[in-house]
Amino acid sequence: MQPFDPKVMVNLFPGSSYDTPPHKPDLLSRLFPSAAFYARVFLRCTRWLSSYYRKNGPLPQAWAYGSSWGLQEMERTGLRLHVDGLEHIDGVKGPCVIVSNHMSTLETYLLPAMLRPRRQLTFVVKRSLVSMPGFGIIMRAANPVVVDRKSPREDLATIMEEGCKRLANGVSIVVFPQATRRRWFVDAQFNTIGAKLAKKAGVPMVPLAVKTDAWGVGGLVKELGPINLKSEALMRFFPPLHIKGSGHAEHKACRDVIHKTFDWWQTRQNAIDQGQPALPYTDPNFVLPEIFSREA
């Protein structure tokens, strides 16, 4: 990674899509991918960014730089990332609510690299993330909406109140309606919080599908799961939805496109694992629900 310049907002994602450049991991990464991954990401990028914040205070350029550096270290270890649909983010004027399934810590690490150069950004996070050693100061610097995960009713009230404040100040918010990281997508676990927040704040809702199980979920410490370099990291942004009426139709459309995309990606991964030719990233038969057409 180039030396940090606080005047420069690093942007590794200037276009509508991104693919990890071809790269052969070194011997250490091939033999011990988890050890190499965590040593590079935690002991280099995360430690640098947390140290910078302690000395200098929060700086958007530093957040984008640290996240981008983290991506390059992950790719150095052998991680492969594919992202598309960034043009939908670019097309949103003003703040928005980005609604995503939640699979691993990977999306929290990488979304600042692709989104912070485009717009102000924060997350809805559980309280433990803002108190973690190292990563906690980075998360606190983003001024996130923090929930306790003890009372759903209190969490909803917090997200509605604090989320609307952030959005009114021009800050886009990433929301994970599944609440916790999940290996599979289950409709019943994908709640309506994103649509409710977007409706109350009067801003668009942008669906985001992710498949990030390359960074597994740990047992004792969820952030320290196994690294599986045979699994690709995939992200896709969809066109924005403006909430009309109750928001149930928009929520269903958001949930459906994420679910269908995730299922296709899993089919693609299964083919790769079986030694078959890789399927395209997008299902040839996939069609956006009709509700998206009214937004055009």
C-alpha atoms as a PDB file:
ATOM      1  CA  MET A   1       0.000   0.000   0.000  1.00  0.00           C
ATOM      2  CA  GLN A   2       1.258   3.472  -0.831  1.00  0.00           C
ATOM      3  CA  PRO A   3       2.230   5.731   2.115  1.00  0.00           C
ATOM      4  CA  PHE A   4      -0.714   7.460   3.763  1.00  0.00           C
ATOM      5  CA  ASP A   5      -1.453  11.027   2.700  1.00  0.00           C
ATOM      6  CA  PRO A   6      -4.132  12.642   4.920  1.00  0.00           C
ATOM      7  CA  LYS A   7      -5.119  14.908   2.036  1.00  0.00           C
ATOM      8  CA  VAL A   8      -5.943  12.019  -0.289  1.00  0.00           C
ATOM      9  CA  MET A   9      -9.097   9.864  -0.196  1.00  0.00           C
ATOM     10  CA  VAL A  10      -7.859   6.514  -1.519  1.00  0.00           C
ATOM     11  CA  ASN A  11     -10.381   4.877  -3.838  1.00  0.00           C
ATOM     12  CA  LEU A  12      -9.739   1.346  -5.070  1.00  0.00           C
ATOM     13  CA  PHE A  13     -13.324   1.164  -6.384  1.00  0.00           C
ATOM     14  CA  PRO A  14     -13.684   4.056  -8.850  1.00  0.00           C
ATOM     15  CA  GLY A  15     -15.941   2.160 -11.272  1.00  0.00           C
ATOM     16  CA  SER A  16     -19.166   0.204 -11.038  1.00  0.00           C
ATOM     17  CA  SER A  17     -17.452  -3.139 -10.382  1.00  0.00           C
ATOM     18  CA  TYR A  18     -14.266  -4.635  -8.989  1.00  0.00           C
ATOM     19  CA  ASP A  19     -12.393  -7.922  -9.234  1.00  0.00           C
ATOM     20  CA  THR A  20      -9.292  -8.939  -7.318  1.00  0.00           C
ATOM     21  CA  PRO A  21      -6.301  -8.911  -9.704  1.00  0.00           C
ATOM     22  CA  PRO A  22      -4.764 -12.345 -10.398  1.00  0.00           C
ATOM     23  CA  HIS A  23      -2.301 -13.228  -7.662  1.00  0.00           C
ATOM     24  CA  LYS A  24      -0.591 -16.334  -6.316  1.00  0.00           C
ATOM     25  CA  PRO A  25      -0.378 -16.293  -2.502  1.00  0.00           C
ATOM     26  CA  ASP A  26       2.999 -16.841  -0.889  1.00  0.00           C
ATOM     27  CA  LEU A  27       3.929 -20.091   0.850  1.00  0.00           C
ATOM     28  CA  LEU A  28       2.951 -18.848   4.325  1.00  0.00           C
ATOM     29  CA  SER A  29      -0.535 -17.923   3.094  1.00  0.00           C
ATOM     30  CA  ARG A  30      -1.001 -21.257   1.339  1.00  0.00           C
ATOM     31  CA  LEU A  31       0.085 -23.272   4.370  1.00  0.00           C
ATOM     32  CA  PHE A  32      -1.419 -21.149   7.140  1.00  0.00           C
ATOM     33  CA  PRO A  33      -4.062 -18.877   5.582  1.00  0.00           C
ATOM     34  CA  SER A  34      -5.756 -17.930   8.865  1.00  0.00           C
ATOM     35  CA  ALA A  35      -2.504 -17.022  10.610  1.00  0.00           C
ATOM     36  CA  ALA A  36      -1.269 -15.005   7.638  1.00  0.00           C
ATOM     37  CA  PHE A  37      -4.646 -13.286   7.214  1.00  0.00           C
ATOM     38  CA  TYR A  38      -5.012 -12.158  10.825  1.00  0.00           C
ATOM     39  CA  ALA A  39      -1.371 -11.148  11.199  1.00  0.00           C
ATOM     40  CA  ARG A  40      -1.640  -8.861   8.187  1.00  0.00           C
ATOM     41  CA  VAL A  41      -5.121  -7.478   8.781  1.00  0.00           C
ATOM     42  CA  PHE A  42      -5.065  -7.081  12.570  1.00  0.00           C
ATOM     43  CA  LEU A  43      -1.386  -6.501  13.350  1.00  0.00           C
ATOM     44  CA  ARG A  44      -0.785  -4.189  10.410  1.00  0.00           C
ATOM     45  CA  CYS A  45      -3.883  -2.384   9.071  1.00  0.00           C
ATOM     46  CA  THR A  46      -6.118  -2.389  12.145  1.00  0.00           C
ATOM     47  CA  ARG A  47      -3.259  -1.537  14.494  1.00  0.00           C
ATOM     48  CA  TRP A  48      -2.117   1.299  12.231  1.00  0.00           C
ATOM     49  CA  LEU A  49      -5.599   2.830  11.969  1.00  0.00           C
ATOM     50  CA  SER A  50      -6.366   2.572  15.682  1.00  0.00           C
ATOM     51  CA  SER A  51      -2.974   4.122  16.478  1.00  0.00           C
ATOM     52  CA  TYR A  52      -3.582   6.929  13.997  1.00  0.00           C
ATOM     53  CA  TYR A  53      -6.938   7.719  15.570  1.00  0.00           C
ATOM     54  CA  ARG A  54      -5.453   7.797  19.069  1.00  0.00           C
ATOM     55  CA  LYS A  55      -2.801  10.290  17.976  1.00  0.00           C
ATOM     56  CA  ASN A  56      -4.731  12.400  15.481  1.00  0.00           C
ATOM     57  CA  GLY A  57      -8.437  11.787  15.973  1.00  0.00           C
ATOM     58  CA  PRO A  58     -10.911  10.484  13.372  1.00  0.00           C
ATOM     59  CA  LEU A  59     -10.232  11.272   9.726  1.00  0.00           C
ATOM     60  CA  PRO A  60     -12.308   9.934   6.782  1.00  0.00           C
ATOM     61  CA  GLN A  61      -9.220   9.625   4.621  1.00  0.00           C
ATOM     62  CA  ALA A  62      -7.588   7.402   7.243  1.00  0.00           C
ATOM     63  CA  TRP A  63     -10.663   5.158   7.448  1.00  0.00           C
ATOM     64  CA  ALA A  64     -10.758   4.680   3.672  1.00  0.00           C
ATOM     65  CA  TYR A  65      -7.001   4.103   3.606  1.00  0.00           C
ATOM     66  CA  GLY A  66      -7.058   1.539   6.430  1.00  0.00           C
ATOM     67  CA  SER A  67      -9.963  -0.349   4.863  1.00  0.00           C
ATOM     68  CA  SER A  68      -8.291  -0.326   1.431  1.00  0.00           C
ATOM     69  CA  TRP A  69      -4.999  -1.481   2.909  1.00  0.00           C
ATOM     70  CA  GLY A  70      -6.907  -4.247   4.671  1.00  0.00           C
ATOM     71  CA  LEU A  71      -8.353  -5.384   1.348  1.00  0.00           C
ATOM     72  CA  GLN A  72      -4.912  -5.526  -0.241  1.00  0.00           C
ATOM     73  CA  GLU A  73      -3.553  -7.560   2.654  1.00  0.00           C
ATOM     74  CA  MET A  74      -6.517  -9.942   2.390  1.00  0.00           C
ATOM     75  CA  GLU A  75      -5.896 -10.319  -1.338  1.00  0.00           C
ATOM     76  CA  ARG A  76      -2.204 -10.886  -0.655  1.00  0.00           C
ATOM     77  CA  THR A  77      -3.235 -13.814   1.514  1.00  0.00           C
ATOM     78  CA  GLY A  78      -5.340 -15.224  -1.334  1.00  0.00           C
ATOM     79  CA  LEU A  79      -8.815 -13.762  -0.826  1.00  0.00           C
ATOM     80  CA  ARG A  80     -10.710 -13.043  -4.059  1.00  0.00           C
ATOM     81  CA  LEU A  81     -13.307 -10.259  -4.101  1.00  0.00           C
ATOM     82  CA  HIS A  82     -15.954  -9.485  -6.708  1.00  0.00           C
ATOM     83  CA  VAL A  83     -18.180  -6.402  -6.342  1.00  0.00           C
ATOM     84  CA  ASP A  84     -20.742  -4.999  -8.763  1.00  0.00           C
ATOM     85  CA  GLY A  85     -23.621  -2.531  -8.785  1.00  0.00           C
ATOM     86  CA  LEU A  86     -21.663   0.409  -7.365  1.00  0.00           C
ATOM     87  CA  GLU A  87     -23.302   2.623  -9.982  1.00  0.00           C
ATOM     88  CA  HIS A  88     -26.499   2.343  -7.956  1.00  0.00           C
ATOM     89  CA  ILE A  89     -24.764   3.947  -4.985  1.00  0.00           C
ATOM     90  CA  ASP A  90     -23.330   6.652  -7.219  1.00  0.00           C
ATOM     91  CA  GLY A  91     -26.805   7.384  -8.556  1.00  0.00           C
ATOM     92  CA  VAL A  92     -28.281   8.153  -5.127  1.00  0.00           C
ATOM     93  CA  LYS A  93     -28.282  11.864  -4.383  1.00  0.00           C
ATOM     94  CA  GLY A  94     -28.027  12.409  -0.662  1.00  0.00           C
ATOM     95  CA  PRO A  95     -27.920   9.870   2.157  1.00  0.00           C
ATOM     96  CA  CYS A  96     -29.481   6.417   2.015  1.00  0.00           C
ATOM     97  CA  VAL A  97     -30.034   3.292   4.095  1.00  0.00           C
ATOM     98  CA  ILE A  98     -27.979   0.374   2.779  1.00  0.00           C
ATOM     99  CA  VAL A  99     -29.688  -2.876   3.774  1.00  0.00           C
ATOM    100  CA  SER A 100     -27.543  -6.009   3.702  1.00  0.00           C
ATOM    101  CA  ASN A 101     -27.488  -9.593   4.853  1.00  0.00           C
ATOM    102  CA  HIS A 102     -24.728 -10.170   7.409  1.00  0.00           C
ATOM    103  CA  MET A 103     -22.403 -13.113   6.977  1.00  0.00           C
ATOM    104  CA  SER A 104     -19.024 -12.233   8.492  1.00  0.00           C
ATOM    105  CA  THR A 105     -16.746  -9.482   9.735  1.00  0.00           C
ATOM    106  CA  LEU A 106     -15.514  -9.044   6.173  1.00  0.00           C
ATOM    107  CA  GLU A 107     -18.258  -6.663   5.065  1.00  0.00           C
ATOM    108  CA  THR A 108     -17.658  -4.392   8.071  1.00  0.00           C
ATOM    109  CA  TYR A 109     -13.987  -4.203   7.157  1.00  0.00           C
ATOM    110  CA  LEU A 110     -14.376  -3.653   3.421  1.00  0.00           C
ATOM    111  CA  LEU A 111     -17.468  -1.470   2.975  1.00  0.00           C
ATOM    112  CA  PRO A 112     -15.614   1.692   4.119  1.00  0.00           C
ATOM    113  CA  ALA A 113     -13.071   1.189   1.319  1.00  0.00           C
ATOM    114  CA  MET A 114     -15.736   1.149  -1.377  1.00  0.00           C
ATOM    115  CA  LEU A 115     -18.323   3.505   0.143  1.00  0.00           C
ATOM    116  CA  ARG A 116     -16.480   6.151   2.187  1.00  0.00           C
ATOM    117  CA  PRO A 117     -14.880   7.776  -0.896  1.00  0.00           C
ATOM    118  CA  ARG A 118     -18.420   8.145  -2.284  1.00  0.00           C
ATOM    119  CA  ARG A 119     -20.327   9.425   0.759  1.00  0.00           C
ATOM    120  CA  GLN A 120     -20.372   9.876   4.521  1.00  0.00           C
ATOM    121  CA  LEU A 121     -20.983   6.514   6.134  1.00  0.00           C
ATOM    122  CA  THR A 122     -21.709   4.720   9.389  1.00  0.00           C
ATOM    123  CA  PHE A 123     -23.222   1.449  10.651  1.00  0.00           C
ATOM    124  CA  VAL A 124     -25.781   0.121  13.079  1.00  0.00           C
ATOM    125  CA  VAL A 125     -23.651  -2.039  15.391  1.00  0.00           C
ATOM    126  CA  LYS A 126     -23.902  -3.963  18.633  1.00  0.00           C
ATOM    127  CA  ARG A 127     -22.270  -2.403  21.684  1.00  0.00           C
ATOM    128  CA  SER A 128     -19.495  -4.998  21.916  1.00  0.00           C
ATOM    129  CA  LEU A 129     -18.007  -3.779  18.619  1.00  0.00           C
ATOM    130  CA  VAL A 130     -17.326  -0.295  19.966  1.00  0.00           C
ATOM    131  CA  SER A 131     -15.552  -1.678  23.041  1.00  0.00           C
ATOM    132  CA  MET A 132     -13.269  -4.185  21.288  1.00  0.00           C
ATOM    133  CA  PRO A 133      -9.512  -3.631  21.670  1.00  0.00           C
ATOM    134  CA  GLY A 134      -8.109  -1.956  18.574  1.00  0.00           C
ATOM    135  CA  PHE A 135     -11.184  -2.145  16.378  1.00  0.00           C
ATOM    136  CA  GLY A 136     -13.365  -0.386  18.957  1.00  0.00           C
ATOM    137  CA  ILE A 137     -11.766   3.025  18.508  1.00  0.00           C
ATOM    138  CA  ILE A 138     -12.165   2.699  14.735  1.00  0.00           C
ATOM    139  CA  MET A 139     -15.836   1.850  15.058  1.00  0.00           C
ATOM    140  CA  ARG A 140     -16.483   4.639  17.588  1.00  0.00           C
ATOM    141  CA  ALA A 141     -14.864   7.146  15.253  1.00  0.00           C
ATOM    142  CA  ALA A 142     -17.556   6.383  12.658  1.00  0.00           C
ATOM    143  CA  ASN A 143     -20.220   7.619  15.124  1.00  0.00           C
ATOM    144  CA  PRO A 144     -22.331   4.470  14.657  1.00  0.00           C
ATOM    145  CA  VAL A 145     -25.824   3.792  15.924  1.00  0.00           C
ATOM    146  CA  VAL A 146     -25.154   1.464  18.871  1.00  0.00           C
ATOM    147  CA  VAL A 147     -27.703  -1.084  20.112  1.00  0.00           C
ATOM    148  CA  ASP A 148     -27.540  -3.388  23.123  1.00  0.00           C
ATOM    149  CA  ARG A 149     -29.350  -6.421  21.675  1.00  0.00           C
ATOM    150  CA  LYS A 150     -31.213  -6.940  24.946  1.00  0.00           C
ATOM    151  CA  SER A 151     -34.589  -5.420  24.105  1.00  0.00           C
ATOM    152  CA  PRO A 152     -35.802  -5.398  20.480  1.00  0.00           C
ATOM    153  CA  ARG A 153     -38.217  -2.578  21.298  1.00  0.00           C
ATOM    154  CA  GLU A 154     -35.481  -0.385  22.794  1.00  0.00           C
ATOM    155  CA  ASP A 155     -33.130  -1.182  19.903  1.00  0.00           C
ATOM    156  CA  LEU A 156     -35.808  -0.178  17.393  1.00  0.00           C
ATOM    157  CA  ALA A 157     -36.384   3.127  19.191  1.00  0.00           C
ATOM    158  CA  THR A 158     -32.629   3.792  19.245  1.00  0.00           C
ATOM    159  CA  ILE A 159     -32.221   3.036  15.550  1.00  0.00           C
ATOM    160  CA  MET A 160     -35.189   5.201  14.595  1.00  0.00           C
ATOM    161  CA  GLU A 161     -34.057   8.175  16.669  1.00  0.00           C
ATOM    162  CA  GLU A 162     -30.301   8.040  16.191  1.00  0.00           C
ATOM    163  CA  GLY A 163     -30.506   6.764  12.621  1.00  0.00           C
ATOM    164  CA  CYS A 164     -32.718   9.662  11.551  1.00  0.00           C
ATOM    165  CA  LYS A 165     -30.250  12.091  13.120  1.00  0.00           C
ATOM    166  CA  ARG A 166     -27.364  10.647  11.129  1.00  0.00           C
ATOM    167  CA  LEU A 167     -29.352  10.621   7.889  1.00  0.00           C
ATOM    168  CA  ALA A 168     -30.538  14.201   8.439  1.00  0.00           C
ATOM    169  CA  ASN A 169     -26.870  15.177   8.657  1.00  0.00           C
ATOM    170  CA  GLY A 170     -26.120  13.532   5.328  1.00  0.00           C
ATOM    171  CA  VAL A 171     -24.635  10.300   6.693  1.00  0.00           C
ATOM    172  CA  SER A 172     -25.662   7.051   5.000  1.00  0.00           C
ATOM    173  CA  ILE A 173     -26.219   4.043   7.257  1.00  0.00           C
ATOM    174  CA  VAL A 174     -25.498   0.349   6.729  1.00  0.00           C
ATOM    175  CA  VAL A 175     -28.101  -1.851   8.433  1.00  0.00           C
ATOM    176  CA  PHE A 176     -27.929  -5.624   8.902  1.00  0.00           C
ATOM    177  CA  PRO A 177     -31.544  -6.752   9.522  1.00  0.00           C
ATOM    178  CA  GLN A 178     -30.421 -10.274  10.427  1.00  0.00           C
ATOM    179  CA  ALA A 179     -28.912  -8.720  13.578  1.00  0.00           C
ATOM    180  CA  THR A 180     -26.087 -11.267  13.779  1.00  0.00           C
ATOM    181  CA  ARG A 181     -23.828 -13.058  11.318  1.00  0.00           C
ATOM    182  CA  ARG A 182     -25.519 -16.001   9.645  1.00  0.00           C
ATOM    183  CA  ARG A 183     -24.153 -18.718   7.365  1.00  0.00           C
ATOM    184  CA  TRP A 184     -27.436 -18.991   5.415  1.00  0.00           C
ATOM    185  CA  PHE A 185     -30.183 -16.609   4.376  1.00  0.00           C
ATOM    186  CA  VAL A 186     -33.545 -17.221   6.062  1.00  0.00           C
ATOM    187  CA  ASP A 187     -36.416 -14.891   5.166  1.00  0.00           C
ATOM    188  CA  ALA A 188     -37.909 -14.912   8.661  1.00  0.00           C
ATOM    189  CA  GLN A 189     -34.633 -13.666  10.154  1.00  0.00           C
ATOM    190  CA  PHE A 190     -34.450 -10.654   7.834  1.00  0.00           C
ATOM    191  CA  ASN A 191     -36.489  -8.034   9.687  1.00  0.00           C
ATOM    192  CA  THR A 192     -38.018  -4.773   8.439  1.00  0.00           C
ATOM    193  CA  ILE A 193     -35.729  -2.341  10.287  1.00  0.00           C
ATOM    194  CA  GLY A 194     -34.113  -1.031   7.091  1.00  0.00           C
ATOM    195  CA  ALA A 195     -37.402  -0.182   5.416  1.00  0.00           C
ATOM    196  CA  LYS A 196     -38.747   1.384   8.613  1.00  0.00           C
ATOM    197  CA  LEU A 197     -35.709   3.622   9.014  1.00  0.00           C
ATOM    198  CA  ALA A 198     -35.694   4.641   5.339  1.00  0.00           C
ATOM    199  CA  LYS A 199     -39.397   5.449   5.490  1.00  0.00           C
ATOM    200  CA  LYS A 200     -39.166   7.546   8.643  1.00  0.00           C
ATOM    201  CA  ALA A 201     -36.130   9.457   7.391  1.00  0.00           C
ATOM    202  CA  GLY A 202     -37.543   9.881   3.890  1.00  0.00           C
ATOM    203  CA  VAL A 203     -34.446   8.478   2.164  1.00  0.00           C
ATOM    204  CA  PRO A 204     -33.898   5.658  -0.370  1.00  0.00           C
ATOM    205  CA  MET A 205     -33.155   2.090   0.663  1.00  0.00           C
ATOM    206  CA  VAL A 206     -30.368   0.327  -1.274  1.00  0.00           C
ATOM    207  CA  PRO A 207     -30.298  -3.503  -1.054  1.00  0.00           C
ATOM    208  CA  LEU A 208     -26.885  -5.142  -0.773  1.00  0.00           C
ATOM    209  CA  ALA A 209     -26.242  -8.874  -1.106  1.00  0.00           C
ATOM    210  CA  VAL A 210     -23.041 -10.314   0.337  1.00  0.00           C
ATOM    211  CA  LYS A 211     -21.415 -13.724   0.431  1.00  0.00           C
ATOM    212  CA  THR A 212     -18.415 -13.379   2.708  1.00  0.00           C
ATOM    213  CA  ASP A 213     -17.928 -16.765   4.345  1.00  0.00           C
ATOM    214  CA  ALA A 214     -14.291 -16.706   3.238  1.00  0.00           C
ATOM    215  CA  TRP A 215     -13.899 -15.077   6.666  1.00  0.00           C
ATOM    216  CA  GLY A 216     -15.594 -17.590   8.913  1.00  0.00           C
ATOM    217  CA  VAL A 217     -17.284 -17.001  12.254  1.00  0.00           C
ATOM    218  CA  GLY A 218     -15.277 -18.158  15.242  1.00  0.00           C
ATOM    219  CA  GLY A 219     -16.551 -20.097  18.228  1.00  0.00           C
ATOM    220  CA  LEU A 220     -15.127 -18.351  21.297  1.00  0.00           C
ATOM    221  CA  VAL A 221     -14.392 -15.089  19.452  1.00  0.00           C
ATOM    222  CA  LYS A 222     -16.651 -14.569  16.435  1.00  0.00           C
ATOM    223  CA  GLU A 223     -14.154 -12.229  14.749  1.00  0.00           C
ATOM    224  CA  LEU A 224     -11.482 -14.974  14.740  1.00  0.00           C
ATOM    225  CA  GLY A 225     -13.066 -17.587  12.528  1.00  0.00           C
ATOM    226  CA  PRO A 226     -11.252 -19.780   9.997  1.00  0.00           C
ATOM    227  CA  ILE A 227     -10.186 -18.272   6.684  1.00  0.00           C
ATOM    228  CA  ASN A 228     -11.351 -20.317   3.690  1.00  0.00           C
ATOM    229  CA  LEU A 229      -9.578 -19.153   0.548  1.00  0.00           C
ATOM    230  CA  LYS A 230     -11.571 -21.564  -1.617  1.00  0.00           C
ATOM    231  CA  SER A 231     -14.650 -19.406  -1.044  1.00  0.00           C
ATOM    232  CA  GLU A 232     -14.960 -16.126  -2.954  1.00  0.00           C
ATOM    233  CA  ALA A 233     -16.089 -12.884  -1.321  1.00  0.00           C
ATOM    234  CA  LEU A 234     -18.994 -11.454  -3.336  1.00  0.00           C
ATOM    235  CA  MET A 235     -21.000  -8.226  -3.018  1.00  0.00           C
ATOM    236  CA  ARG A 236     -23.760  -6.737  -5.180  1.00  0.00           C
ATOM    237  CA  PHE A 237     -25.613  -3.446  -4.801  1.00  0.00           C
ATOM    238  CA  PHE A 238     -29.102  -3.090  -6.270  1.00  0.00           C
ATOM    239  CA  PRO A 239     -31.077  -0.050  -7.460  1.00  0.00           C
ATOM    240  CA  PRO A 240     -32.529   2.130  -4.701  1.00  0.00           C
ATOM    241  CA  LEU A 241     -36.094   1.778  -3.491  1.00  0.00           C
ATOM    242  CA  HIS A 242     -38.155   4.725  -2.243  1.00  0.00           C
ATOM    243  CA  ILE A 243     -40.586   3.659   0.436  1.00  0.00           C
ATOM    244  CA  LYS A 244     -44.241   4.128  -0.431  1.00  0.00           C
ATOM    245  CA  GLY A 245     -47.077   3.366   1.943  1.00  0.00           C
ATOM    246  CA  SER A 246     -46.328   0.794   4.636  1.00  0.00           C
ATOM    247  CA  GLY A 247     -42.992  -0.241   3.115  1.00  0.00           C
ATOM    248  CA  HIS A 248     -43.899  -3.942   3.139  1.00  0.00           C
ATOM    249  CA  ALA A 249     -43.587  -4.252  -0.642  1.00  0.00           C
ATOM    250  CA  GLU A 250     -40.174  -2.578  -0.669  1.00  0.00           C
ATOM    251  CA  HIS A 251     -38.953  -4.730   2.200  1.00  0.00           C
ATOM    252  CA  LYS A 252     -40.088  -7.890   0.402  1.00  0.00           C
ATOM    253  CA  ALA A 253     -38.369  -6.802  -2.812  1.00  0.00           C
ATOM    254  CA  CYS A 254     -35.165  -6.050  -0.919  1.00  0.00           C
ATOM    255  CA  ARG A 255     -35.260  -9.390   0.885  1.00  0.00           C
ATOM    256  CA  ASP A 256     -36.070 -11.322  -2.291  1.00  0.00           C
ATOM    257  CA  VAL A 257     -33.243  -9.931  -4.446  1.00  0.00           C
ATOM    258  CA  ILE A 258     -30.712 -10.566  -1.681  1.00  0.00           C
ATOM    259  CA  HIS A 259     -32.018 -14.088  -1.094  1.00  0.00           C
ATOM    260  CA  LYS A 260     -32.066 -15.052  -4.779  1.00  0.00           C
ATOM    261  CA  THR A 261     -28.612 -13.605  -5.383  1.00  0.00           C
ATOM    262  CA  PHE A 262     -27.189 -15.368  -2.347  1.00  0.00           C
ATOM    263  CA  ASP A 263     -28.677 -18.700  -3.449  1.00  0.00           C
ATOM    264  CA  TRP A 264     -27.185 -18.306  -6.929  1.00  0.00           C
ATOM    265  CA  TRP A 265     -23.781 -17.518  -5.483  1.00  0.00           C
ATOM    266  CA  GLN A 266     -23.989 -20.625  -3.342  1.00  0.00           C
ATOM    267  CA  THR A 267     -24.813 -22.664  -6.446  1.00  0.00           C
ATOM    268  CA  ARG A 268     -21.801 -21.083  -8.143  1.00  0.00           C
ATOM    269  CA  GLN A 269     -19.554 -21.944  -5.194  1.00  0.00           C
ATOM    270  CA  ASN A 270     -20.812 -25.533  -5.149  1.00  0.00           C
ATOM    271  CA  ALA A 271     -19.879 -25.896  -8.814  1.00  0.00           C
ATOM    272  CA  ILE A 272     -16.400 -24.536  -8.142  1.00  0.00           C
ATOM    273  CA  ASP A 273     -15.941 -26.870  -5.153  1.00  0.00           C
ATOM    274  CA  GLN A 274     -16.884 -29.825  -7.385  1.00  0.00           C
ATOM    275  CA  GLY A 275     -14.288 -28.861  -9.986  1.00  0.00           C
ATOM    276  CA  GLN A 276     -16.862 -27.681 -12.518  1.00  0.00           C
ATOM    277  CA  PRO A 277     -16.558 -24.495 -14.604  1.00  0.00           C
ATOM    278  CA  ALA A 278     -17.537 -21.405 -12.643  1.00  0.00           C
ATOM    279  CA  LEU A 279     -21.031 -20.095 -13.358  1.00  0.00           C
ATOM    280  CA  PRO A 280     -21.472 -16.372 -14.089  1.00  0.00           C
ATOM    281  CA  TYR A 281     -21.794 -14.058 -11.095  1.00  0.00           C
ATOM    282  CA  THR A 282     -25.371 -13.210 -12.106  1.00  0.00           C
ATOM    283  CA  ASP A 283     -28.074 -15.801 -12.707  1.00  0.00           C
ATOM    284  CA  PRO A 284     -29.047 -15.465 -16.418  1.00  0.00           C
ATOM    285  CA  ASN A 285     -32.689 -15.925 -15.420  1.00  0.00           C
ATOM    286  CA  PHE A 286     -32.637 -13.295 -12.678  1.00  0.00           C
ATOM    287  CA  VAL A 287     -35.131 -10.466 -13.117  1.00  0.00           C
ATOM    288  CA  LEU A 288     -35.573  -7.556 -10.733  1.00  0.00           C
ATOM    289  CA  PRO A 289     -39.021  -7.424  -9.130  1.00  0.00           C
ATOM    290  CA  GLU A 290     -41.402  -5.064 -10.883  1.00  0.00           C
ATOM    291  CA  ILE A 291     -41.328  -2.630  -7.976  1.00  0.00           C
ATOM    292  CA  PHE A 292     -37.791  -1.580  -8.997  1.00  0.00           C
ATOM    293  CA  SER A 293     -39.043  -0.396 -12.396  1.00  0.00           C
ATOM    294  CA  ARG A 294     -41.133   2.375 -10.870  1.00  0.00           C
ATOM    295  CA  GLU A 295     -37.974   3.867  -9.389  1.00  0.00           C
ATOM    296  CA  ALA A 296     -36.291   4.356 -12.750  1.00  0.00           C
END
